Amino acid sequence: MASTGRVIASYDDLLQVLYEIKGQENEIRTRSIEELTKGLVGWPGFQEVFTTSALKGDGIDDLRGYILEKAYPSYGSWDYNEKLLTNKVK
């Protein structure tokens, strides 16, 4: 990985740094997440915590599944069968 404190004085220097870190995005992302959550013991007030990425779509299926599992009608039963497709909006 590129050394810290390096002076980038030209476009060529910038390209060199970018080439050095290219392909290390996953390692950097993983290390950053580990650093952010290091020593973390639970999330008070939450039953579940999901880490998601809008850019990559990571974690979205887990979040969607959880929401669908926990969803329930507030007054007893669903208005429509789950297999019924409609474009009606209440």
Protein backbone atom coordinates (compact mmCIF):
# COMPACT_ATOMS: atom_id res chain seq x y z
CA MET A 1 0.00 0.00 0.00
CA ALA A 2 1.16 3.57 -0.58
CA SER A 3 3.11 5.04 2.29
CA THR A 4 1.52 7.76 4.36
CA GLY A 5 2.96 11.26 4.36
CA ARG A 6 3.93 11.00 0.72
CA VAL A 7 4.03 14.28 -1.20
CA ILE A 8 2.21 14.16 -4.50
CA ALA A 9 3.81 16.92 -6.51
CA SER A 10 2.71 15.94 -9.98
CA TYR A 11 0.12 14.07 -11.97
CA ASP A 12 2.64 11.25 -12.49
CA ASP A 13 3.07 10.95 -8.71
CA LEU A 14 -0.70 10.73 -8.31
CA LEU A 15 -0.93 8.02 -10.98
CA GLN A 16 1.84 6.07 -9.23
CA VAL A 17 -0.05 6.14 -5.93
CA LEU A 18 -3.29 5.10 -7.64
CA TYR A 19 -1.56 2.18 -9.38
CA GLU A 20 -0.05 1.08 -6.05
CA ILE A 21 -3.45 0.93 -4.30
CA LYS A 22 -5.41 -0.43 -7.28
CA GLY A 23 -7.00 -3.78 -6.43
CA GLN A 24 -6.78 -3.19 -2.68
CA GLU A 25 -10.25 -1.66 -2.32
CA ASN A 26 -11.72 -4.76 -0.66
CA GLU A 27 -8.83 -5.00 1.78
CA ILE A 28 -9.12 -1.29 2.62
CA ARG A 29 -12.93 -1.54 3.01
CA THR A 30 -12.70 -4.66 5.19
CA ARG A 31 -10.00 -3.16 7.37
CA SER A 32 -12.01 0.07 7.76
CA ILE A 33 -15.13 -1.82 8.82
CA GLU A 34 -13.09 -3.85 11.30
CA GLU A 35 -11.57 -0.67 12.74
CA LEU A 36 -15.00 0.98 13.05
CA THR A 37 -16.53 -2.00 14.83
CA LYS A 38 -13.48 -3.00 16.91
CA GLY A 39 -14.50 -3.60 20.52
CA LEU A 40 -18.15 -2.98 19.74
CA VAL A 41 -20.42 -5.10 21.92
CA GLY A 42 -23.96 -4.89 20.61
CA TRP A 43 -26.01 -1.89 19.56
CA PRO A 44 -28.18 -0.78 22.48
CA GLY A 45 -31.82 -0.27 21.50
CA PHE A 46 -31.61 -2.36 18.33
CA GLN A 47 -32.63 -5.98 17.72
CA GLU A 48 -30.64 -6.24 14.48
CA VAL A 49 -28.02 -4.11 12.76
CA PHE A 50 -27.33 -4.33 9.04
CA THR A 51 -24.32 -2.95 7.23
CA THR A 52 -25.27 -2.07 3.68
CA SER A 53 -23.69 -0.48 0.66
CA ALA A 54 -25.85 1.48 -1.76
CA LEU A 55 -22.93 1.59 -4.16
CA LYS A 56 -22.26 -2.16 -4.24
CA GLY A 57 -25.66 -3.45 -3.06
CA ASP A 58 -24.01 -5.41 -0.24
CA GLY A 59 -26.34 -6.39 2.60
CA ILE A 60 -29.52 -5.30 0.82
CA ASP A 61 -30.93 -8.84 0.46
CA ASP A 62 -30.41 -9.47 4.20
CA LEU A 63 -32.15 -6.20 5.08
CA ARG A 64 -35.03 -6.85 2.66
CA GLY A 65 -35.52 -10.36 4.05
CA TYR A 66 -35.59 -9.07 7.62
CA ILE A 67 -38.13 -6.37 6.80
CA LEU A 68 -40.39 -8.84 4.99
CA GLU A 69 -40.13 -11.29 7.88
CA LYS A 70 -41.09 -8.63 10.44
CA ALA A 71 -43.84 -6.94 8.39
CA TYR A 72 -47.42 -7.53 9.51
CA PRO A 73 -50.73 -5.74 8.99
CA SER A 74 -51.80 -3.47 11.84
CA TYR A 75 -55.46 -4.54 11.75
CA GLY A 76 -55.47 -8.32 11.43
CA SER A 77 -55.01 -9.51 7.87
CA TRP A 78 -53.54 -8.44 4.58
CA ASP A 79 -55.90 -6.86 2.03
CA TYR A 80 -54.52 -8.94 -0.84
CA ASN A 81 -53.12 -12.39 -1.38
CA GLU A 82 -49.31 -12.29 -1.69
CA LYS A 83 -49.49 -13.70 -5.23
CA LEU A 84 -51.86 -11.02 -6.48
CA LEU A 85 -50.19 -8.35 -8.60
CA THR A 86 -51.75 -4.89 -8.69
CA ASN A 87 -50.86 -1.33 -9.53
CA LYS A 88 -53.53 0.04 -7.17
CA VAL A 89 -52.27 2.54 -4.63
CA LYS A 90 -54.24 3.26 -1.46
